[in-house]
Amino acid sequence: MAGRQAGLSLLRLLNERPRPQRFNLVGHSLGCRVLCSALQALAEDTPLLARFAGSEFNVALLQPDADCDPLACEQSGIPRLRMLIATSNL
């Protein structure tokens, strides 16, 4: 929950900049869970999401934590969201 709120707060701060923007977000392991959670919170906050109109989100998830659901994040309804999900068996 704390990561979700911190991630959403960071997105709110980034939204203060001129638009449209390109956001390159990278998470590793537990950071993937934080990133996905923040993006899902953004998708649920319709007024904030509308302020990101025209912006592009490039997200790289490197070895996501087992509890992270990157597909739910990818299907969140955020326009112009591109994801790279890299896993390893090691």
PDB file of N, CA and C in Angstrom:
ATOM      1  N   MET A   1       0.824  -1.190   0.000  1.00  0.00           N
ATOM      2  CA  MET A   1       0.000   0.000   0.000  1.00  0.00           C
ATOM      3  C   MET A   1       0.870   1.257   0.000  1.00  0.00           C
ATOM      4  N   ALA A   2       1.934   1.261   0.766  1.00  0.00           N
ATOM      5  CA  ALA A   2       2.808   2.439   0.815  1.00  0.00           C
ATOM      6  C   ALA A   2       3.463   2.674  -0.540  1.00  0.00           C
ATOM      7  N   GLY A   3       3.889   1.594  -1.195  1.00  0.00           N
ATOM      8  CA  GLY A   3       4.501   1.731  -2.514  1.00  0.00           C
ATOM      9  C   GLY A   3       3.519   2.261  -3.533  1.00  0.00           C
ATOM     10  N   ARG A   4       2.280   1.807  -3.439  1.00  0.00           N
ATOM     11  CA  ARG A   4       1.234   2.276  -4.365  1.00  0.00           C
ATOM     12  C   ARG A   4       1.047   3.783  -4.219  1.00  0.00           C
ATOM     13  N   GLN A   5       0.942   4.263  -2.988  1.00  0.00           N
ATOM     14  CA  GLN A   5       0.731   5.689  -2.749  1.00  0.00           C
ATOM     15  C   GLN A   5       1.964   6.512  -3.122  1.00  0.00           C
ATOM     16  N   ALA A   6       3.150   5.982  -2.820  1.00  0.00           N
ATOM     17  CA  ALA A   6       4.382   6.698  -3.169  1.00  0.00           C
ATOM     18  C   ALA A   6       4.536   6.788  -4.685  1.00  0.00           C
ATOM     19  N   GLY A   7       4.254   5.704  -5.375  1.00  0.00           N
ATOM     20  CA  GLY A   7       4.343   5.705  -6.832  1.00  0.00           C
ATOM     21  C   GLY A   7       3.338   6.658  -7.460  1.00  0.00           C
ATOM     22  N   LEU A   8       2.125   6.661  -6.956  1.00  0.00           N
ATOM     23  CA  LEU A   8       1.102   7.563  -7.473  1.00  0.00           C
ATOM     24  C   LEU A   8       1.469   9.018  -7.177  1.00  0.00           C
ATOM     25  N   SER A   9       2.033   9.274  -6.013  1.00  0.00           N
ATOM     26  CA  SER A   9       2.480  10.633  -5.677  1.00  0.00           C
ATOM     27  C   SER A   9       3.580  11.095  -6.625  1.00  0.00           C
ATOM     28  N   LEU A  10       4.477  10.187  -6.962  1.00  0.00           N
ATOM     29  CA  LEU A  10       5.542  10.520  -7.917  1.00  0.00           C
ATOM     30  C   LEU A  10       4.947  10.850  -9.283  1.00  0.00           C
ATOM     31  N   LEU A  11       3.969  10.092  -9.727  1.00  0.00           N
ATOM     32  CA  LEU A  11       3.322  10.383 -11.006  1.00  0.00           C
ATOM     33  C   LEU A  11       2.610  11.732 -10.968  1.00  0.00           C
ATOM     34  N   ARG A  12       2.010  12.063  -9.828  1.00  0.00           N
ATOM     35  CA  ARG A  12       1.369  13.386  -9.697  1.00  0.00           C
ATOM     36  C   ARG A  12       2.402  14.499  -9.827  1.00  0.00           C
ATOM     37  N   LEU A  13       3.558  14.324  -9.194  1.00  0.00           N
ATOM     38  CA  LEU A  13       4.621  15.332  -9.310  1.00  0.00           C
ATOM     39  C   LEU A  13       5.120  15.453 -10.740  1.00  0.00           C
ATOM     40  N   LEU A  14       5.292  14.332 -11.409  1.00  0.00           N
ATOM     41  CA  LEU A  14       5.750  14.357 -12.794  1.00  0.00           C
ATOM     42  C   LEU A  14       4.729  15.026 -13.702  1.00  0.00           C
ATOM     43  N   ASN A  15       3.476  14.976 -13.326  1.00  0.00           N
ATOM     44  CA  ASN A  15       2.419  15.570 -14.127  1.00  0.00           C
ATOM     45  C   ASN A  15       2.478  17.092 -14.122  1.00  0.00           C
ATOM     46  N   GLU A  16       3.243  17.686 -13.222  1.00  0.00           N
ATOM     47  CA  GLU A  16       3.362  19.136 -13.147  1.00  0.00           C
ATOM     48  C   GLU A  16       4.150  19.696 -14.330  1.00  0.00           C
ATOM     49  N   ARG A  17       4.862  18.861 -15.035  1.00  0.00           N
ATOM     50  CA  ARG A  17       5.704  19.301 -16.145  1.00  0.00           C
ATOM     51  C   ARG A  17       4.854  19.509 -17.394  1.00  0.00           C
ATOM     52  N   PRO A  18       5.382  20.254 -18.364  1.00  0.00           N
ATOM     53  CA  PRO A  18       4.622  20.460 -19.613  1.00  0.00           C
ATOM     54  C   PRO A  18       4.321  19.137 -20.298  1.00  0.00           C
ATOM     55  N   ARG A  19       3.181  19.072 -20.985  1.00  0.00           N
ATOM     56  CA  ARG A  19       2.763  17.851 -21.656  1.00  0.00           C
ATOM     57  C   ARG A  19       2.819  18.034 -23.152  1.00  0.00           C
ATOM     58  N   PRO A  20       2.768  16.988 -23.932  1.00  0.00           N
ATOM     59  CA  PRO A  20       2.853  15.577 -23.546  1.00  0.00           C
ATOM     60  C   PRO A  20       4.281  15.190 -23.198  1.00  0.00           C
ATOM     61  N   GLN A  21       4.403  14.127 -22.486  1.00  0.00           N
ATOM     62  CA  GLN A  21       5.697  13.664 -22.024  1.00  0.00           C
ATOM     63  C   GLN A  21       5.871  12.190 -22.327  1.00  0.00           C
ATOM     64  N   ARG A  22       7.116  11.760 -22.243  1.00  0.00           N
ATOM     65  CA  ARG A  22       7.430  10.335 -22.322  1.00  0.00           C
ATOM     66  C   ARG A  22       8.024   9.942 -20.976  1.00  0.00           C
ATOM     67  N   PHE A  23       7.437   8.921 -20.374  1.00  0.00           N
ATOM     68  CA  PHE A  23       7.918   8.410 -19.098  1.00  0.00           C
ATOM     69  C   PHE A  23       8.550   7.051 -19.321  1.00  0.00           C
ATOM     70  N   ASN A  24       9.793   6.886 -18.897  1.00  0.00           N
ATOM     71  CA  ASN A  24      10.492   5.603 -18.953  1.00  0.00           C
ATOM     72  C   ASN A  24      10.645   5.116 -17.515  1.00  0.00           C
ATOM     73  N   LEU A  25       9.884   4.104 -17.156  1.00  0.00           N
ATOM     74  CA  LEU A  25       9.861   3.597 -15.786  1.00  0.00           C
ATOM     75  C   LEU A  25      10.430   2.183 -15.767  1.00  0.00           C
ATOM     76  N   VAL A  26      11.335   1.926 -14.814  1.00  0.00           N
ATOM     77  CA  VAL A  26      11.988   0.620 -14.713  1.00  0.00           C
ATOM     78  C   VAL A  26      11.843   0.114 -13.283  1.00  0.00           C
ATOM     79  N   GLY A  27      11.435  -1.139 -13.159  1.00  0.00           N
ATOM     80  CA  GLY A  27      11.342  -1.773 -11.851  1.00  0.00           C
ATOM     81  C   GLY A  27      12.061  -3.110 -11.878  1.00  0.00           C
ATOM     82  N   HIS A  28      12.631  -3.474 -10.746  1.00  0.00           N
ATOM     83  CA  HIS A  28      13.295  -4.772 -10.615  1.00  0.00           C
ATOM     84  C   HIS A  28      12.757  -5.471  -9.378  1.00  0.00           C
ATOM     85  N   SER A  29      12.383  -6.717  -9.521  1.00  0.00           N
ATOM     86  CA  SER A  29      11.911  -7.560  -8.430  1.00  0.00           C
ATOM     87  C   SER A  29      10.727  -6.908  -7.707  1.00  0.00           C
ATOM     88  N   LEU A  30      10.897  -6.540  -6.447  1.00  0.00           N
ATOM     89  CA  LEU A  30       9.816  -5.929  -5.683  1.00  0.00           C
ATOM     90  C   LEU A  30       9.420  -4.573  -6.266  1.00  0.00           C
ATOM     91  N   GLY A  31      10.350  -3.882  -6.904  1.00  0.00           N
ATOM     92  CA  GLY A  31      10.042  -2.609  -7.552  1.00  0.00           C
ATOM     93  C   GLY A  31       9.012  -2.754  -8.659  1.00  0.00           C
ATOM     94  N   CYS A  32       8.928  -3.942  -9.258  1.00  0.00           N
ATOM     95  CA  CYS A  32       7.908  -4.194 -10.280  1.00  0.00           C
ATOM     96  C   CYS A  32       6.519  -4.149  -9.664  1.00  0.00           C
ATOM     97  N   ARG A  33       6.402  -4.678  -8.468  1.00  0.00           N
ATOM     98  CA  ARG A  33       5.115  -4.659  -7.776  1.00  0.00           C
ATOM     99  C   ARG A  33       4.706  -3.215  -7.480  1.00  0.00           C
ATOM    100  N   VAL A  34       5.669  -2.401  -7.039  1.00  0.00           N
ATOM    101  CA  VAL A  34       5.398  -0.997  -6.754  1.00  0.00           C
ATOM    102  C   VAL A  34       4.962  -0.269  -8.030  1.00  0.00           C
ATOM    103  N   LEU A  35       5.692  -0.499  -9.117  1.00  0.00           N
ATOM    104  CA  LEU A  35       5.365   0.157 -10.389  1.00  0.00           C
ATOM    105  C   LEU A  35       3.974  -0.246 -10.878  1.00  0.00           C
ATOM    106  N   CYS A  36       3.690  -1.528 -10.892  1.00  0.00           N
ATOM    107  CA  CYS A  36       2.378  -1.998 -11.351  1.00  0.00           C
ATOM    108  C   CYS A  36       1.261  -1.447 -10.474  1.00  0.00           C
ATOM    109  N   SER A  37       1.492  -1.419  -9.189  1.00  0.00           N
ATOM    110  CA  SER A  37       0.495  -0.905  -8.266  1.00  0.00           C
ATOM    111  C   SER A  37       0.233   0.582  -8.513  1.00  0.00           C
ATOM    112  N   ALA A  38       1.289   1.349  -8.739  1.00  0.00           N
ATOM    113  CA  ALA A  38       1.137   2.780  -9.004  1.00  0.00           C
ATOM    114  C   ALA A  38       0.404   3.019 -10.325  1.00  0.00           C
ATOM    115  N   LEU A  39       0.719   2.232 -11.344  1.00  0.00           N
ATOM    116  CA  LEU A  39       0.043   2.386 -12.630  1.00  0.00           C
ATOM    117  C   LEU A  39      -1.424   1.987 -12.544  1.00  0.00           C
ATOM    118  N   GLN A  40      -1.721   0.964 -11.756  1.00  0.00           N
ATOM    119  CA  GLN A  40      -3.124   0.580 -11.569  1.00  0.00           C
ATOM    120  C   GLN A  40      -3.881   1.683 -10.825  1.00  0.00           C
ATOM    121  N   ALA A  41      -3.224   2.310  -9.844  1.00  0.00           N
ATOM    122  CA  ALA A  41      -3.854   3.425  -9.126  1.00  0.00           C
ATOM    123  C   ALA A  41      -4.086   4.598 -10.072  1.00  0.00           C
ATOM    124  N   LEU A  42      -3.138   4.842 -10.977  1.00  0.00           N
ATOM    125  CA  LEU A  42      -3.306   5.897 -11.970  1.00  0.00           C
ATOM    126  C   LEU A  42      -4.510   5.604 -12.866  1.00  0.00           C
ATOM    127  N   ALA A  43      -4.650   4.356 -13.294  1.00  0.00           N
ATOM    128  CA  ALA A  43      -5.773   3.976 -14.155  1.00  0.00           C
ATOM    129  C   ALA A  43      -7.113   4.172 -13.453  1.00  0.00           C
ATOM    130  N   GLU A  44      -7.130   4.018 -12.133  1.00  0.00           N
ATOM    131  CA  GLU A  44      -8.370   4.173 -11.361  1.00  0.00           C
ATOM    132  C   GLU A  44      -8.685   5.634 -11.067  1.00  0.00           C
ATOM    133  N   ASP A  45      -7.701   6.517 -11.188  1.00  0.00           N
ATOM    134  CA  ASP A  45      -7.878   7.943 -10.914  1.00  0.00           C
ATOM    135  C   ASP A  45      -8.144   8.661 -12.242  1.00  0.00           C
ATOM    136  N   THR A  46      -9.394   8.640 -12.686  1.00  0.00           N
ATOM    137  CA  THR A  46      -9.761   9.150 -14.005  1.00  0.00           C
ATOM    138  C   THR A  46      -9.343  10.600 -14.238  1.00  0.00           C
ATOM    139  N   PRO A  47      -9.544  11.519 -13.271  1.00  0.00           N
ATOM    140  CA  PRO A  47      -9.120  12.904 -13.520  1.00  0.00           C
ATOM    141  C   PRO A  47      -7.602  13.026 -13.715  1.00  0.00           C
ATOM    142  N   LEU A  48      -6.829  12.304 -12.928  1.00  0.00           N
ATOM    143  CA  LEU A  48      -5.372  12.355 -13.076  1.00  0.00           C
ATOM    144  C   LEU A  48      -4.953  11.727 -14.401  1.00  0.00           C
ATOM    145  N   LEU A  49      -5.545  10.610 -14.752  1.00  0.00           N
ATOM    146  CA  LEU A  49      -5.224   9.948 -16.015  1.00  0.00           C
ATOM    147  C   LEU A  49      -5.524  10.872 -17.193  1.00  0.00           C
ATOM    148  N   ALA A  50      -6.612  11.627 -17.113  1.00  0.00           N
ATOM    149  CA  ALA A  50      -6.965  12.561 -18.183  1.00  0.00           C
ATOM    150  C   ALA A  50      -5.908  13.642 -18.344  1.00  0.00           C
ATOM    151  N   ARG A  51      -5.264  14.028 -17.249  1.00  0.00           N
ATOM    152  CA  ARG A  51      -4.219  15.063 -17.332  1.00  0.00           C
ATOM    153  C   ARG A  51      -2.960  14.538 -18.007  1.00  0.00           C
ATOM    154  N   PHE A  52      -2.816  13.218 -18.112  1.00  0.00           N
ATOM    155  CA  PHE A  52      -1.672  12.614 -18.798  1.00  0.00           C
ATOM    156  C   PHE A  52      -1.982  12.360 -20.278  1.00  0.00           C
ATOM    157  N   ALA A  53      -3.083  12.901 -20.781  1.00  0.00           N
ATOM    158  CA  ALA A  53      -3.476  12.663 -22.177  1.00  0.00           C
ATOM    159  C   ALA A  53      -2.328  13.028 -23.117  1.00  0.00           C
ATOM    160  N   GLY A  54      -2.030  12.141 -24.032  1.00  0.00           N
ATOM    161  CA  GLY A  54      -0.957  12.369 -24.992  1.00  0.00           C
ATOM    162  C   GLY A  54       0.406  11.917 -24.511  1.00  0.00           C
ATOM    163  N   SER A  55       0.526  11.619 -23.224  1.00  0.00           N
ATOM    164  CA  SER A  55       1.804  11.153 -22.687  1.00  0.00           C
ATOM    165  C   SER A  55       2.008   9.683 -23.022  1.00  0.00           C
ATOM    166  N   GLU A  56       3.247   9.277 -23.017  1.00  0.00           N
ATOM    167  CA  GLU A  56       3.619   7.898 -23.347  1.00  0.00           C
ATOM    168  C   GLU A  56       4.308   7.279 -22.144  1.00  0.00           C
ATOM    169  N   PHE A  57       3.941   6.048 -21.826  1.00  0.00           N
ATOM    170  CA  PHE A  57       4.544   5.316 -20.705  1.00  0.00           C
ATOM    171  C   PHE A  57       5.277   4.097 -21.249  1.00  0.00           C
ATOM    172  N   ASN A  58       6.586   4.071 -21.080  1.00  0.00           N
ATOM    173  CA  ASN A  58       7.409   2.912 -21.419  1.00  0.00           C
ATOM    174  C   ASN A  58       7.840   2.287 -20.097  1.00  0.00           C
ATOM    175  N   VAL A  59       7.441   1.050 -19.859  1.00  0.00           N
ATOM    176  CA  VAL A  59       7.697   0.395 -18.578  1.00  0.00           C
ATOM    177  C   VAL A  59       8.505  -0.882 -18.812  1.00  0.00           C
ATOM    178  N   ALA A  60       9.607  -1.018 -18.090  1.00  0.00           N
ATOM    179  CA  ALA A  60      10.414  -2.243 -18.141  1.00  0.00           C
ATOM    180  C   ALA A  60      10.350  -2.902 -16.766  1.00  0.00           C
ATOM    181  N   LEU A  61       9.905  -4.145 -16.740  1.00  0.00           N
ATOM    182  CA  LEU A  61       9.842  -4.921 -15.504  1.00  0.00           C
ATOM    183  C   LEU A  61      10.892  -6.028 -15.607  1.00  0.00           C
ATOM    184  N   LEU A  62      11.898  -5.943 -14.763  1.00  0.00           N
ATOM    185  CA  LEU A  62      13.011  -6.894 -14.793  1.00  0.00           C
ATOM    186  C   LEU A  62      12.884  -7.865 -13.632  1.00  0.00           C
ATOM    187  N   GLN A  63      12.737  -9.128 -13.943  1.00  0.00           N
ATOM    188  CA  GLN A  63      12.573 -10.196 -12.960  1.00  0.00           C
ATOM    189  C   GLN A  63      11.524  -9.831 -11.910  1.00  0.00           C
ATOM    190  N   PRO A  64      10.257  -9.682 -12.346  1.00  0.00           N
ATOM    191  CA  PRO A  64       9.197  -9.272 -11.418  1.00  0.00           C
ATOM    192  C   PRO A  64       9.055 -10.225 -10.237  1.00  0.00           C
ATOM    193  N   ASP A  65       8.716  -9.650  -9.092  1.00  0.00           N
ATOM    194  CA  ASP A  65       8.418 -10.410  -7.884  1.00  0.00           C
ATOM    195  C   ASP A  65       7.270 -11.368  -8.202  1.00  0.00           C
ATOM    196  N   ALA A  66       7.262 -12.524  -7.587  1.00  0.00           N
ATOM    197  CA  ALA A  66       6.260 -13.548  -7.874  1.00  0.00           C
ATOM    198  C   ALA A  66       4.839 -13.045  -7.650  1.00  0.00           C
ATOM    199  N   ASP A  67       4.649 -12.086  -6.733  1.00  0.00           N
ATOM    200  CA  ASP A  67       3.307 -11.574  -6.449  1.00  0.00           C
ATOM    201  C   ASP A  67       2.892 -10.453  -7.391  1.00  0.00           C
ATOM    202  N   CYS A  68       3.785 -10.013  -8.245  1.00  0.00           N
ATOM    203  CA  CYS A  68       3.489  -8.940  -9.195  1.00  0.00           C
ATOM    204  C   CYS A  68       2.677  -9.507 -10.350  1.00  0.00           C
ATOM    205  N   ASP A  69       1.650  -8.781 -10.775  1.00  0.00           N
ATOM    206  CA  ASP A  69       0.844  -9.214 -11.916  1.00  0.00           C
ATOM    207  C   ASP A  69       1.002  -8.201 -13.050  1.00  0.00           C
ATOM    208  N   PRO A  70       2.084  -8.317 -13.829  1.00  0.00           N
ATOM    209  CA  PRO A  70       2.320  -7.329 -14.875  1.00  0.00           C
ATOM    210  C   PRO A  70       1.245  -7.314 -15.950  1.00  0.00           C
ATOM    211  N   LEU A  71       0.568  -8.439 -16.176  1.00  0.00           N
ATOM    212  CA  LEU A  71      -0.473  -8.459 -17.199  1.00  0.00           C
ATOM    213  C   LEU A  71      -1.672  -7.612 -16.776  1.00  0.00           C
ATOM    214  N   ALA A  72      -1.993  -7.596 -15.484  1.00  0.00           N
ATOM    215  CA  ALA A  72      -3.068  -6.731 -15.002  1.00  0.00           C
ATOM    216  C   ALA A  72      -2.677  -5.272 -15.208  1.00  0.00           C
ATOM    217  N   CYS A  73      -1.413  -4.974 -15.017  1.00  0.00           N
ATOM    218  CA  CYS A  73      -0.901  -3.622 -15.231  1.00  0.00           C
ATOM    219  C   CYS A  73      -1.012  -3.263 -16.712  1.00  0.00           C
ATOM    220  N   GLU A  74      -0.645  -4.200 -17.570  1.00  0.00           N
ATOM    221  CA  GLU A  74      -0.650  -3.954 -19.007  1.00  0.00           C
ATOM    222  C   GLU A  74      -2.071  -3.753 -19.535  1.00  0.00           C
ATOM    223  N   GLN A  75      -3.039  -4.385 -18.921  1.00  0.00           N
ATOM    224  CA  GLN A  75      -4.432  -4.298 -19.360  1.00  0.00           C
ATOM    225  C   GLN A  75      -5.201  -3.236 -18.580  1.00  0.00           C
ATOM    226  N   SER A  76      -4.501  -2.304 -17.970  1.00  0.00           N
ATOM    227  CA  SER A  76      -5.114  -1.325 -17.081  1.00  0.00           C
ATOM    228  C   SER A  76      -5.958  -0.284 -17.788  1.00  0.00           C
ATOM    229  N   GLY A  77      -5.773  -0.114 -19.091  1.00  0.00           N
ATOM    230  CA  GLY A  77      -6.523   0.903 -19.806  1.00  0.00           C
ATOM    231  C   GLY A  77      -5.777   2.219 -19.934  1.00  0.00           C
ATOM    232  N   ILE A  78      -4.520   2.244 -19.567  1.00  0.00           N
ATOM    233  CA  ILE A  78      -3.719   3.456 -19.727  1.00  0.00           C
ATOM    234  C   ILE A  78      -3.313   3.548 -21.198  1.00  0.00           C
ATOM    235  N   PRO A  79      -3.703   4.628 -21.881  1.00  0.00           N
ATOM    236  CA  PRO A  79      -3.332   4.745 -23.289  1.00  0.00           C
ATOM    237  C   PRO A  79      -1.826   4.949 -23.452  1.00  0.00           C
ATOM    238  N   ARG A  80      -1.301   4.461 -24.543  1.00  0.00           N
ATOM    239  CA  ARG A  80       0.109   4.619 -24.888  1.00  0.00           C
ATOM    240  C   ARG A  80       1.034   4.030 -23.812  1.00  0.00           C
ATOM    241  N   LEU A  81       0.635   2.882 -23.264  1.00  0.00           N
ATOM    242  CA  LEU A  81       1.454   2.143 -22.299  1.00  0.00           C
ATOM    243  C   LEU A  81       2.117   0.991 -23.034  1.00  0.00           C
ATOM    244  N   ARG A  82       3.444   0.970 -23.005  1.00  0.00           N
ATOM    245  CA  ARG A  82       4.199  -0.140 -23.593  1.00  0.00           C
ATOM    246  C   ARG A  82       5.013  -0.782 -22.490  1.00  0.00           C
ATOM    247  N   MET A  83       5.027  -2.116 -22.488  1.00  0.00           N
ATOM    248  CA  MET A  83       5.714  -2.829 -21.420  1.00  0.00           C
ATOM    249  C   MET A  83       6.688  -3.852 -21.973  1.00  0.00           C
ATOM    250  N   LEU A  84       7.817  -3.955 -21.293  1.00  0.00           N
ATOM    251  CA  LEU A  84       8.796  -5.010 -21.531  1.00  0.00           C
ATOM    252  C   LEU A  84       8.916  -5.775 -20.227  1.00  0.00           C
ATOM    253  N   ILE A  85       8.668  -7.068 -20.270  1.00  0.00           N
ATOM    254  CA  ILE A  85       8.727  -7.892 -19.069  1.00  0.00           C
ATOM    255  C   ILE A  85       9.814  -8.945 -19.293  1.00  0.00           C
ATOM    256  N   ALA A  86      10.875  -8.894 -18.504  1.00  0.00           N
ATOM    257  CA  ALA A  86      11.989  -9.816 -18.638  1.00  0.00           C
ATOM    258  C   ALA A  86      12.058 -10.709 -17.401  1.00  0.00           C
ATOM    259  N   THR A  87      12.068 -12.022 -17.636  1.00  0.00           N
ATOM    260  CA  THR A  87      12.149 -12.974 -16.522  1.00  0.00           C
ATOM    261  C   THR A  87      13.361 -13.886 -16.731  1.00  0.00           C
ATOM    262  N   SER A  88      13.685 -14.589 -15.670  1.00  0.00           N
ATOM    263  CA  SER A  88      14.808 -15.523 -15.717  1.00  0.00           C
ATOM    264  C   SER A  88      14.463 -16.750 -14.884  1.00  0.00           C
ATOM    265  N   ASN A  89      14.946 -17.885 -15.294  1.00  0.00           N
ATOM    266  CA  ASN A  89      14.747 -19.105 -14.513  1.00  0.00           C
ATOM    267  C   ASN A  89      15.848 -19.295 -13.483  1.00  0.00           C
ATOM    268  N   LEU A  90      16.846 -18.433 -13.492  1.00  0.00           N
ATOM    269  CA  LEU A  90      17.980 -18.576 -12.576  1.00  0.00           C
ATOM    270  C   LEU A  90      17.739 -17.927 -11.252  1.00  0.00           C
TER     271      LEU A  90
END
